[in-house]
Amino acid sequence: MASRLIARRRTYVSQFAGYALMVVIVVIIGAPLFWMLTGSLKTTSQIYTFPPVWIPHHPRWHNFIDAWHAAPFGRFYINTVIITSIATVFKVVNALFTAYALAFLRFPFKNLVFIIILAGLMIPEQVTVLPNYLTLTVGVHDLIGQSWLNTYQGILLPGLATAYATFLLRQGFLGLPREVLDAAKVDGAGHLRMLWDMAVPMSRPLLVTIALLTLVQRWNDFLWPLIATTNNNVRPLTVGLTYLFNNEGNNQWGVIMAATMFIIVPLLVIFLFSQKYIIAGITAGATKG
């Protein structure tokens, strides 16, 4: 009886510690977001007030109007949606075909190809900036007579391949039930039919997760669009946000935080409607090698 009470107490203590840790993590992550949300409704003097006032007594909703008119955010939104949509579709399709080939097809040096793809995960994006820039300026100009700077294809092309999504999909495909795939082969299904009718439906949570991760990465991409563009016709939201910063440091932080909400809110809405797929998708291939 005493041992049961001790075991039950230990269970309660461990559960309490787990919940307490989750609360701490939520506060650490959520506090800056909440501060940004409330800061978007304050004046600059209210933001610098000490002790800080978390909830403004007189919200300044005009910050959002000032932020929208401070730069051509309508054009930036269109550019961001175009870039993100095309990049997400191409990356998912590219990873889908590549992962299927690595998981189910037989060809020479397949393992070597997979290792080379994994090696791509170890190369920082900053290392590829200069080669990509020279390719889109000098290389493309030599081929077609004009540069691809300030174009959608110039922003999109260097990032259409994805090693991480290929790895996740390949691992997920290896975890699919072989009996179903073998039965499809017996029925005369080719590779395309097996991919679209078998592998894709059974890997839907993983595909949604990859699409979300790709969407977030492209939506928040800053460095390459900044380098590959010089005018507002093709620049995305992340680059457009820099228009609100003052070179002399006299920044209107309430307006800047309001503009930042333009970038964050669409992603939060997407995650709210698709969060059930994320954990299942990321862990789908965790036990397969």
C-alpha atoms as a PDB file:
ATOM      1  CA  MET A   1       0.000   0.000   0.000  1.00  0.00           C
ATOM      2  CA  ALA A   2       2.776   2.419   0.928  1.00  0.00           C
ATOM      3  CA  SER A   3       4.665   1.648  -2.281  1.00  0.00           C
ATOM      4  CA  ARG A   4       1.534   2.446  -4.309  1.00  0.00           C
ATOM      5  CA  LEU A   5       1.151   5.796  -2.564  1.00  0.00           C
ATOM      6  CA  ILE A   6       4.805   6.613  -3.193  1.00  0.00           C
ATOM      7  CA  ALA A   7       4.485   5.640  -6.867  1.00  0.00           C
ATOM      8  CA  ARG A   8       1.312   7.728  -7.214  1.00  0.00           C
ATOM      9  CA  ARG A   9       2.989  10.735  -5.612  1.00  0.00           C
ATOM     10  CA  ARG A  10       5.935  10.387  -7.956  1.00  0.00           C
ATOM     11  CA  THR A  11       3.526  10.290 -10.887  1.00  0.00           C
ATOM     12  CA  TYR A  12       1.779  13.441  -9.696  1.00  0.00           C
ATOM     13  CA  VAL A  13       5.105  15.203  -9.140  1.00  0.00           C
ATOM     14  CA  SER A  14       6.392  14.257 -12.597  1.00  0.00           C
ATOM     15  CA  GLN A  15       3.133  15.375 -14.217  1.00  0.00           C
ATOM     16  CA  PHE A  16       3.218  18.664 -12.316  1.00  0.00           C
ATOM     17  CA  ALA A  17       6.838  19.220 -13.320  1.00  0.00           C
ATOM     18  CA  GLY A  18       5.975  18.486 -16.951  1.00  0.00           C
ATOM     19  CA  TYR A  19       3.056  20.928 -16.993  1.00  0.00           C
ATOM     20  CA  ALA A  20       5.128  23.561 -15.200  1.00  0.00           C
ATOM     21  CA  LEU A  21       7.876  23.199 -17.784  1.00  0.00           C
ATOM     22  CA  MET A  22       5.355  23.563 -20.618  1.00  0.00           C
ATOM     23  CA  VAL A  23       3.961  26.721 -19.015  1.00  0.00           C
ATOM     24  CA  VAL A  24       7.464  28.179 -18.757  1.00  0.00           C
ATOM     25  CA  ILE A  25       8.181  27.363 -22.416  1.00  0.00           C
ATOM     26  CA  VAL A  26       4.865  28.875 -23.527  1.00  0.00           C
ATOM     27  CA  VAL A  27       5.612  32.062 -21.573  1.00  0.00           C
ATOM     28  CA  ILE A  28       9.140  32.313 -23.006  1.00  0.00           C
ATOM     29  CA  ILE A  29       7.860  31.881 -26.570  1.00  0.00           C
ATOM     30  CA  GLY A  30       4.582  33.749 -26.198  1.00  0.00           C
ATOM     31  CA  ALA A  31       5.756  36.812 -24.258  1.00  0.00           C
ATOM     32  CA  PRO A  32       7.715  38.388 -27.180  1.00  0.00           C
ATOM     33  CA  LEU A  33       4.786  37.730 -29.543  1.00  0.00           C
ATOM     34  CA  PHE A  34       2.328  39.270 -27.105  1.00  0.00           C
ATOM     35  CA  TRP A  35       4.647  42.247 -26.602  1.00  0.00           C
ATOM     36  CA  MET A  36       4.840  42.749 -30.372  1.00  0.00           C
ATOM     37  CA  LEU A  37       1.050  42.549 -30.677  1.00  0.00           C
ATOM     38  CA  THR A  38       0.466  45.099 -27.944  1.00  0.00           C
ATOM     39  CA  GLY A  39       3.389  47.209 -29.176  1.00  0.00           C
ATOM     40  CA  SER A  40       1.683  47.536 -32.541  1.00  0.00           C
ATOM     41  CA  LEU A  41      -1.079  49.419 -30.699  1.00  0.00           C
ATOM     42  CA  LYS A  42       1.231  51.847 -28.885  1.00  0.00           C
ATOM     43  CA  THR A  43       3.125  55.017 -29.643  1.00  0.00           C
ATOM     44  CA  THR A  44       6.915  54.992 -29.487  1.00  0.00           C
ATOM     45  CA  SER A  45       6.905  56.802 -26.133  1.00  0.00           C
ATOM     46  CA  GLN A  46       4.539  54.205 -24.666  1.00  0.00           C
ATOM     47  CA  ILE A  47       6.819  51.388 -25.858  1.00  0.00           C
ATOM     48  CA  TYR A  48       9.792  52.955 -24.052  1.00  0.00           C
ATOM     49  CA  THR A  49       7.800  53.489 -20.845  1.00  0.00           C
ATOM     50  CA  PHE A  50       9.287  51.843 -17.731  1.00  0.00           C
ATOM     51  CA  PRO A  51       7.913  49.884 -16.040  1.00  0.00           C
ATOM     52  CA  PRO A  52       6.412  48.542 -19.254  1.00  0.00           C
ATOM     53  CA  VAL A  53       2.675  48.653 -19.868  1.00  0.00           C
ATOM     54  CA  TRP A  54       1.680  45.374 -21.490  1.00  0.00           C
ATOM     55  CA  ILE A  55      -1.864  46.354 -22.490  1.00  0.00           C
ATOM     56  CA  PRO A  56      -2.313  49.933 -23.792  1.00  0.00           C
ATOM     57  CA  HIS A  57      -5.195  51.903 -22.301  1.00  0.00           C
ATOM     58  CA  HIS A  58      -5.849  53.716 -25.586  1.00  0.00           C
ATOM     59  CA  PRO A  59      -4.919  51.390 -28.485  1.00  0.00           C
ATOM     60  CA  ARG A  60      -3.533  53.202 -31.495  1.00  0.00           C
ATOM     61  CA  TRP A  61      -5.083  51.304 -34.407  1.00  0.00           C
ATOM     62  CA  HIS A  62      -3.817  53.944 -36.793  1.00  0.00           C
ATOM     63  CA  ASN A  63      -0.378  52.284 -36.623  1.00  0.00           C
ATOM     64  CA  PHE A  64      -1.626  49.633 -39.065  1.00  0.00           C
ATOM     65  CA  ILE A  65      -2.819  52.297 -41.515  1.00  0.00           C
ATOM     66  CA  ASP A  66       0.487  54.171 -41.221  1.00  0.00           C
ATOM     67  CA  ALA A  67       2.434  50.950 -41.762  1.00  0.00           C
ATOM     68  CA  TRP A  68       0.388  50.004 -44.828  1.00  0.00           C
ATOM     69  CA  HIS A  69       0.968  53.406 -46.444  1.00  0.00           C
ATOM     70  CA  ALA A  70       4.620  53.713 -45.421  1.00  0.00           C
ATOM     71  CA  ALA A  71       5.589  51.261 -48.187  1.00  0.00           C
ATOM     72  CA  PRO A  72       3.781  49.553 -51.087  1.00  0.00           C
ATOM     73  CA  PHE A  73       2.691  46.610 -48.933  1.00  0.00           C
ATOM     74  CA  GLY A  74      -0.066  45.689 -51.375  1.00  0.00           C
ATOM     75  CA  ARG A  75       2.557  44.985 -54.042  1.00  0.00           C
ATOM     76  CA  PHE A  76       4.764  43.224 -51.475  1.00  0.00           C
ATOM     77  CA  TYR A  77       1.871  40.939 -50.517  1.00  0.00           C
ATOM     78  CA  ILE A  78       1.235  39.984 -54.139  1.00  0.00           C
ATOM     79  CA  ASN A  79       4.935  39.269 -54.675  1.00  0.00           C
ATOM     80  CA  THR A  80       5.154  37.181 -51.503  1.00  0.00           C
ATOM     81  CA  VAL A  81       2.091  35.099 -52.390  1.00  0.00           C
ATOM     82  CA  ILE A  82       3.412  34.453 -55.916  1.00  0.00           C
ATOM     83  CA  ILE A  83       6.915  33.524 -54.753  1.00  0.00           C
ATOM     84  CA  THR A  84       5.723  31.381 -51.853  1.00  0.00           C
ATOM     85  CA  SER A  85       3.052  29.524 -53.834  1.00  0.00           C
ATOM     86  CA  ILE A  86       5.276  28.664 -56.786  1.00  0.00           C
ATOM     87  CA  ALA A  87       8.221  27.692 -54.582  1.00  0.00           C
ATOM     88  CA  THR A  88       6.080  25.488 -52.345  1.00  0.00           C
ATOM     89  CA  VAL A  89       4.510  23.604 -55.259  1.00  0.00           C
ATOM     90  CA  PHE A  90       7.810  23.078 -57.070  1.00  0.00           C
ATOM     91  CA  LYS A  91       9.677  22.024 -53.937  1.00  0.00           C
ATOM     92  CA  VAL A  92       7.043  19.502 -52.871  1.00  0.00           C
ATOM     93  CA  VAL A  93       6.786  17.990 -56.369  1.00  0.00           C
ATOM     94  CA  ASN A  94      10.570  17.890 -56.711  1.00  0.00           C
ATOM     95  CA  ALA A  95      10.976  16.218 -53.328  1.00  0.00           C
ATOM     96  CA  LEU A  96       8.113  13.815 -54.114  1.00  0.00           C
ATOM     97  CA  PHE A  97       9.667  12.417 -57.280  1.00  0.00           C
ATOM     98  CA  THR A  98      13.194  12.376 -55.860  1.00  0.00           C
ATOM     99  CA  ALA A  99      12.148  10.618 -52.647  1.00  0.00           C
ATOM    100  CA  TYR A 100      10.124   8.033 -54.563  1.00  0.00           C
ATOM    101  CA  ALA A 101      13.116   7.227 -56.765  1.00  0.00           C
ATOM    102  CA  LEU A 102      15.395   6.884 -53.741  1.00  0.00           C
ATOM    103  CA  ALA A 103      12.915   4.693 -51.890  1.00  0.00           C
ATOM    104  CA  PHE A 104      11.590   2.352 -54.597  1.00  0.00           C
ATOM    105  CA  LEU A 105      13.699   2.480 -57.752  1.00  0.00           C
ATOM    106  CA  ARG A 106      16.928   0.613 -58.408  1.00  0.00           C
ATOM    107  CA  PHE A 107      19.721   2.477 -60.129  1.00  0.00           C
ATOM    108  CA  PRO A 108      23.531   2.634 -59.811  1.00  0.00           C
ATOM    109  CA  PHE A 109      25.024   4.589 -56.914  1.00  0.00           C
ATOM    110  CA  LYS A 110      21.615   5.209 -55.321  1.00  0.00           C
ATOM    111  CA  ASN A 111      23.069   5.368 -51.811  1.00  0.00           C
ATOM    112  CA  LEU A 112      25.785   7.750 -52.988  1.00  0.00           C
ATOM    113  CA  VAL A 113      23.158  10.051 -54.476  1.00  0.00           C
ATOM    114  CA  PHE A 114      21.275   9.991 -51.171  1.00  0.00           C
ATOM    115  CA  ILE A 115      24.456  10.844 -49.253  1.00  0.00           C
ATOM    116  CA  ILE A 116      25.140  13.768 -51.587  1.00  0.00           C
ATOM    117  CA  ILE A 117      21.609  15.048 -51.004  1.00  0.00           C
ATOM    118  CA  LEU A 118      22.126  14.775 -47.251  1.00  0.00           C
ATOM    119  CA  ALA A 119      25.406  16.667 -47.612  1.00  0.00           C
ATOM    120  CA  GLY A 120      23.366  19.549 -49.001  1.00  0.00           C
ATOM    121  CA  LEU A 121      21.791  19.929 -45.552  1.00  0.00           C
ATOM    122  CA  MET A 122      25.219  20.799 -44.145  1.00  0.00           C
ATOM    123  CA  ILE A 123      25.859  23.734 -46.494  1.00  0.00           C
ATOM    124  CA  PRO A 124      24.703  27.089 -45.063  1.00  0.00           C
ATOM    125  CA  GLU A 125      22.584  29.228 -47.338  1.00  0.00           C
ATOM    126  CA  GLN A 126      25.017  32.125 -47.020  1.00  0.00           C
ATOM    127  CA  VAL A 127      27.752  30.069 -48.712  1.00  0.00           C
ATOM    128  CA  THR A 128      25.676  29.713 -51.884  1.00  0.00           C
ATOM    129  CA  VAL A 129      24.728  33.387 -52.217  1.00  0.00           C
ATOM    130  CA  LEU A 130      27.752  34.468 -54.273  1.00  0.00           C
ATOM    131  CA  PRO A 131      27.701  31.483 -56.717  1.00  0.00           C
ATOM    132  CA  ASN A 132      23.962  31.900 -57.241  1.00  0.00           C
ATOM    133  CA  TYR A 133      24.333  35.633 -57.802  1.00  0.00           C
ATOM    134  CA  LEU A 134      27.084  35.132 -60.389  1.00  0.00           C
ATOM    135  CA  THR A 135      25.027  32.441 -62.113  1.00  0.00           C
ATOM    136  CA  LEU A 136      21.941  34.651 -62.422  1.00  0.00           C
ATOM    137  CA  THR A 137      23.919  37.678 -63.594  1.00  0.00           C
ATOM    138  CA  VAL A 138      26.964  36.590 -65.585  1.00  0.00           C
ATOM    139  CA  GLY A 139      25.929  33.029 -66.465  1.00  0.00           C
ATOM    140  CA  VAL A 140      22.355  33.745 -67.524  1.00  0.00           C
ATOM    141  CA  HIS A 141      23.418  36.909 -69.358  1.00  0.00           C
ATOM    142  CA  ASP A 142      25.907  34.908 -71.409  1.00  0.00           C
ATOM    143  CA  LEU A 143      23.178  32.404 -72.337  1.00  0.00           C
ATOM    144  CA  ILE A 144      20.157  34.576 -73.110  1.00  0.00           C
ATOM    145  CA  GLY A 145      21.599  38.087 -73.240  1.00  0.00           C
ATOM    146  CA  GLN A 146      19.970  39.453 -70.078  1.00  0.00           C
ATOM    147  CA  SER A 147      20.262  39.087 -66.327  1.00  0.00           C
ATOM    148  CA  TRP A 148      17.643  37.468 -64.113  1.00  0.00           C
ATOM    149  CA  LEU A 149      17.968  40.026 -61.336  1.00  0.00           C
ATOM    150  CA  ASN A 150      14.661  41.679 -60.387  1.00  0.00           C
ATOM    151  CA  THR A 151      12.673  38.741 -61.741  1.00  0.00           C
ATOM    152  CA  TYR A 152      10.541  36.071 -60.104  1.00  0.00           C
ATOM    153  CA  GLN A 153      12.588  33.309 -61.673  1.00  0.00           C
ATOM    154  CA  GLY A 154      15.746  34.861 -60.262  1.00  0.00           C
ATOM    155  CA  ILE A 155      14.284  34.708 -56.757  1.00  0.00           C
ATOM    156  CA  LEU A 156      12.813  31.231 -57.164  1.00  0.00           C
ATOM    157  CA  LEU A 157      15.353  29.204 -59.128  1.00  0.00           C
ATOM    158  CA  PRO A 158      18.183  28.852 -56.546  1.00  0.00           C
ATOM    159  CA  GLY A 159      15.788  27.448 -53.949  1.00  0.00           C
ATOM    160  CA  LEU A 160      13.640  24.992 -55.897  1.00  0.00           C
ATOM    161  CA  ALA A 161      15.638  21.949 -54.763  1.00  0.00           C
ATOM    162  CA  THR A 162      15.172  20.796 -51.171  1.00  0.00           C
ATOM    163  CA  ALA A 163      17.324  18.236 -49.404  1.00  0.00           C
ATOM    164  CA  TYR A 164      15.355  18.305 -46.136  1.00  0.00           C
ATOM    165  CA  ALA A 165      11.967  17.590 -47.753  1.00  0.00           C
ATOM    166  CA  THR A 166      13.533  14.843 -49.874  1.00  0.00           C
ATOM    167  CA  PHE A 167      14.987  13.208 -46.766  1.00  0.00           C
ATOM    168  CA  LEU A 168      11.687  13.352 -44.855  1.00  0.00           C
ATOM    169  CA  LEU A 169       9.678  11.947 -47.760  1.00  0.00           C
ATOM    170  CA  ARG A 170      12.178   9.198 -48.463  1.00  0.00           C
ATOM    171  CA  GLN A 171      12.038   8.114 -44.822  1.00  0.00           C
ATOM    172  CA  GLY A 172       8.254   8.255 -44.875  1.00  0.00           C
ATOM    173  CA  PHE A 173       8.030   6.175 -48.051  1.00  0.00           C
ATOM    174  CA  LEU A 174      10.241   3.506 -46.505  1.00  0.00           C
ATOM    175  CA  GLY A 175       7.703   3.188 -43.701  1.00  0.00           C
ATOM    176  CA  LEU A 176       4.748   2.501 -45.993  1.00  0.00           C
ATOM    177  CA  PRO A 177       3.261  -1.034 -45.888  1.00  0.00           C
ATOM    178  CA  ARG A 178       5.045  -3.069 -48.541  1.00  0.00           C
ATOM    179  CA  GLU A 179       2.094  -5.430 -48.926  1.00  0.00           C
ATOM    180  CA  VAL A 180      -0.076  -2.680 -50.409  1.00  0.00           C
ATOM    181  CA  LEU A 181       2.639  -1.603 -52.831  1.00  0.00           C
ATOM    182  CA  ASP A 182       3.376  -5.190 -53.856  1.00  0.00           C
ATOM    183  CA  ALA A 183      -0.326  -5.806 -54.476  1.00  0.00           C
ATOM    184  CA  ALA A 184      -0.430  -2.727 -56.710  1.00  0.00           C
ATOM    185  CA  LYS A 185       2.520  -4.087 -58.691  1.00  0.00           C
ATOM    186  CA  VAL A 186       0.750  -7.420 -59.151  1.00  0.00           C
ATOM    187  CA  ASP A 187      -2.282  -5.542 -60.513  1.00  0.00           C
ATOM    188  CA  GLY A 188      -0.023  -3.973 -63.129  1.00  0.00           C
ATOM    189  CA  ALA A 189       0.374  -0.513 -61.604  1.00  0.00           C
ATOM    190  CA  GLY A 190       3.274   1.516 -62.953  1.00  0.00           C
ATOM    191  CA  HIS A 191       5.452   3.855 -60.943  1.00  0.00           C
ATOM    192  CA  LEU A 192       3.323   6.947 -61.581  1.00  0.00           C
ATOM    193  CA  ARG A 193       0.150   5.160 -60.502  1.00  0.00           C
ATOM    194  CA  MET A 194       1.849   3.772 -57.410  1.00  0.00           C
ATOM    195  CA  LEU A 195       3.084   7.264 -56.567  1.00  0.00           C
ATOM    196  CA  TRP A 196      -0.204   9.133 -56.995  1.00  0.00           C
ATOM    197  CA  ASP A 197      -2.674   6.415 -55.978  1.00  0.00           C
ATOM    198  CA  MET A 198      -0.710   4.689 -53.213  1.00  0.00           C
ATOM    199  CA  ALA A 199       2.253   6.633 -51.836  1.00  0.00           C
ATOM    200  CA  VAL A 200       0.740  10.125 -51.887  1.00  0.00           C
ATOM    201  CA  PRO A 201      -2.580   9.286 -50.129  1.00  0.00           C
ATOM    202  CA  MET A 202      -0.798   7.278 -47.418  1.00  0.00           C
ATOM    203  CA  SER A 203       1.748  10.079 -46.905  1.00  0.00           C
ATOM    204  CA  ARG A 204      -0.723  12.965 -46.733  1.00  0.00           C
ATOM    205  CA  PRO A 205       0.248  14.162 -43.197  1.00  0.00           C
ATOM    206  CA  LEU A 206       3.918  14.147 -44.180  1.00  0.00           C
ATOM    207  CA  LEU A 207       3.212  16.042 -47.399  1.00  0.00           C
ATOM    208  CA  VAL A 208       1.183  18.668 -45.553  1.00  0.00           C
ATOM    209  CA  THR A 209       4.004  19.093 -43.050  1.00  0.00           C
ATOM    210  CA  ILE A 210       6.596  19.493 -45.789  1.00  0.00           C
ATOM    211  CA  ALA A 211       4.376  21.984 -47.602  1.00  0.00           C
ATOM    212  CA  LEU A 212       3.958  23.981 -44.383  1.00  0.00           C
ATOM    213  CA  LEU A 213       7.667  23.988 -43.597  1.00  0.00           C
ATOM    214  CA  THR A 214       8.457  25.049 -47.163  1.00  0.00           C
ATOM    215  CA  LEU A 215       5.775  27.734 -47.101  1.00  0.00           C
ATOM    216  CA  VAL A 216       7.098  29.208 -43.855  1.00  0.00           C
ATOM    217  CA  GLN A 217      10.692  29.121 -45.097  1.00  0.00           C
ATOM    218  CA  ARG A 218       9.847  30.900 -48.347  1.00  0.00           C
ATOM    219  CA  TRP A 219       7.434  33.357 -46.720  1.00  0.00           C
ATOM    220  CA  ASN A 220      10.133  34.428 -44.238  1.00  0.00           C
ATOM    221  CA  ASP A 221      13.030  34.366 -46.695  1.00  0.00           C
ATOM    222  CA  PHE A 222      14.969  37.618 -46.557  1.00  0.00           C
ATOM    223  CA  LEU A 223      18.621  37.358 -47.573  1.00  0.00           C
ATOM    224  CA  TRP A 224      18.324  36.072 -51.134  1.00  0.00           C
ATOM    225  CA  PRO A 225      15.346  38.280 -52.176  1.00  0.00           C
ATOM    226  CA  LEU A 226      17.250  41.273 -50.788  1.00  0.00           C
ATOM    227  CA  ILE A 227      20.293  40.463 -52.924  1.00  0.00           C
ATOM    228  CA  ALA A 228      18.406  39.394 -56.067  1.00  0.00           C
ATOM    229  CA  THR A 229      16.146  42.481 -56.246  1.00  0.00           C
ATOM    230  CA  THR A 230      16.625  46.235 -56.387  1.00  0.00           C
ATOM    231  CA  ASN A 231      13.072  47.512 -56.997  1.00  0.00           C
ATOM    232  CA  ASN A 232       9.635  47.072 -55.452  1.00  0.00           C
ATOM    233  CA  ASN A 233       8.045  45.261 -58.391  1.00  0.00           C
ATOM    234  CA  VAL A 234       9.218  41.833 -57.231  1.00  0.00           C
ATOM    235  CA  ARG A 235      10.313  42.374 -53.629  1.00  0.00           C
ATOM    236  CA  PRO A 236       8.482  40.384 -50.896  1.00  0.00           C
ATOM    237  CA  LEU A 237       7.145  41.490 -47.518  1.00  0.00           C
ATOM    238  CA  THR A 238      10.289  40.633 -45.570  1.00  0.00           C
ATOM    239  CA  VAL A 239      12.399  43.011 -47.661  1.00  0.00           C
ATOM    240  CA  GLY A 240       9.634  45.604 -47.706  1.00  0.00           C
ATOM    241  CA  LEU A 241       9.671  45.694 -43.911  1.00  0.00           C
ATOM    242  CA  THR A 242      13.133  47.290 -44.012  1.00  0.00           C
ATOM    243  CA  TYR A 243      11.605  50.382 -45.642  1.00  0.00           C
ATOM    244  CA  LEU A 244      10.178  51.336 -42.249  1.00  0.00           C
ATOM    245  CA  PHE A 245      13.552  51.531 -40.507  1.00  0.00           C
ATOM    246  CA  ASN A 246      15.200  54.927 -40.210  1.00  0.00           C
ATOM    247  CA  ASN A 247      18.906  55.119 -40.959  1.00  0.00           C
ATOM    248  CA  GLU A 248      19.385  57.594 -38.105  1.00  0.00           C
ATOM    249  CA  GLY A 249      17.689  55.334 -35.568  1.00  0.00           C
ATOM    250  CA  ASN A 250      14.472  57.378 -35.217  1.00  0.00           C
ATOM    251  CA  ASN A 251      12.270  54.344 -35.718  1.00  0.00           C
ATOM    252  CA  GLN A 252       8.521  54.359 -35.145  1.00  0.00           C
ATOM    253  CA  TRP A 253       8.436  51.016 -33.382  1.00  0.00           C
ATOM    254  CA  GLY A 254       4.666  50.878 -33.121  1.00  0.00           C
ATOM    255  CA  VAL A 255       4.384  51.188 -36.905  1.00  0.00           C
ATOM    256  CA  ILE A 256       7.172  48.630 -37.429  1.00  0.00           C
ATOM    257  CA  MET A 257       5.472  46.120 -35.130  1.00  0.00           C
ATOM    258  CA  ALA A 258       2.176  46.686 -36.924  1.00  0.00           C
ATOM    259  CA  ALA A 259       3.904  45.973 -40.255  1.00  0.00           C
ATOM    260  CA  THR A 260       5.444  42.843 -38.749  1.00  0.00           C
ATOM    261  CA  MET A 261       1.956  41.620 -37.929  1.00  0.00           C
ATOM    262  CA  PHE A 262       1.212  41.724 -41.665  1.00  0.00           C
ATOM    263  CA  ILE A 263       3.859  39.011 -42.082  1.00  0.00           C
ATOM    264  CA  ILE A 264       3.077  36.877 -39.033  1.00  0.00           C
ATOM    265  CA  VAL A 265      -0.722  36.719 -38.999  1.00  0.00           C
ATOM    266  CA  PRO A 266      -1.171  34.749 -42.293  1.00  0.00           C
ATOM    267  CA  LEU A 267       1.263  32.085 -41.073  1.00  0.00           C
ATOM    268  CA  LEU A 268      -0.500  31.802 -37.718  1.00  0.00           C
ATOM    269  CA  VAL A 269      -3.850  31.315 -39.445  1.00  0.00           C
ATOM    270  CA  ILE A 270      -2.418  28.590 -41.679  1.00  0.00           C
ATOM    271  CA  PHE A 271      -0.889  26.781 -38.692  1.00  0.00           C
ATOM    272  CA  LEU A 272      -4.140  26.915 -36.730  1.00  0.00           C
ATOM    273  CA  PHE A 273      -5.946  25.054 -39.510  1.00  0.00           C
ATOM    274  CA  SER A 274      -3.214  22.487 -40.191  1.00  0.00           C
ATOM    275  CA  GLN A 275      -1.484  21.900 -36.863  1.00  0.00           C
ATOM    276  CA  LYS A 276      -2.875  18.347 -36.510  1.00  0.00           C
ATOM    277  CA  TYR A 277      -0.687  17.199 -39.412  1.00  0.00           C
ATOM    278  CA  ILE A 278       2.604  18.628 -38.159  1.00  0.00           C
ATOM    279  CA  ILE A 279       3.653  16.164 -35.445  1.00  0.00           C
ATOM    280  CA  ALA A 280       2.414  13.141 -37.392  1.00  0.00           C
ATOM    281  CA  GLY A 281       4.264  14.310 -40.471  1.00  0.00           C
ATOM    282  CA  ILE A 282       7.592  15.047 -38.810  1.00  0.00           C
ATOM    283  CA  THR A 283       7.650  11.732 -36.947  1.00  0.00           C
ATOM    284  CA  ALA A 284       6.396   9.652 -39.881  1.00  0.00           C
ATOM    285  CA  GLY A 285       9.819   8.374 -40.873  1.00  0.00           C
ATOM    286  CA  ALA A 286      11.581   8.489 -37.550  1.00  0.00           C
ATOM    287  CA  THR A 287      11.994   4.709 -37.232  1.00  0.00           C
ATOM    288  CA  LYS A 288      13.136   3.931 -40.755  1.00  0.00           C
ATOM    289  CA  GLY A 289      16.657   4.119 -42.119  1.00  0.00           C
END
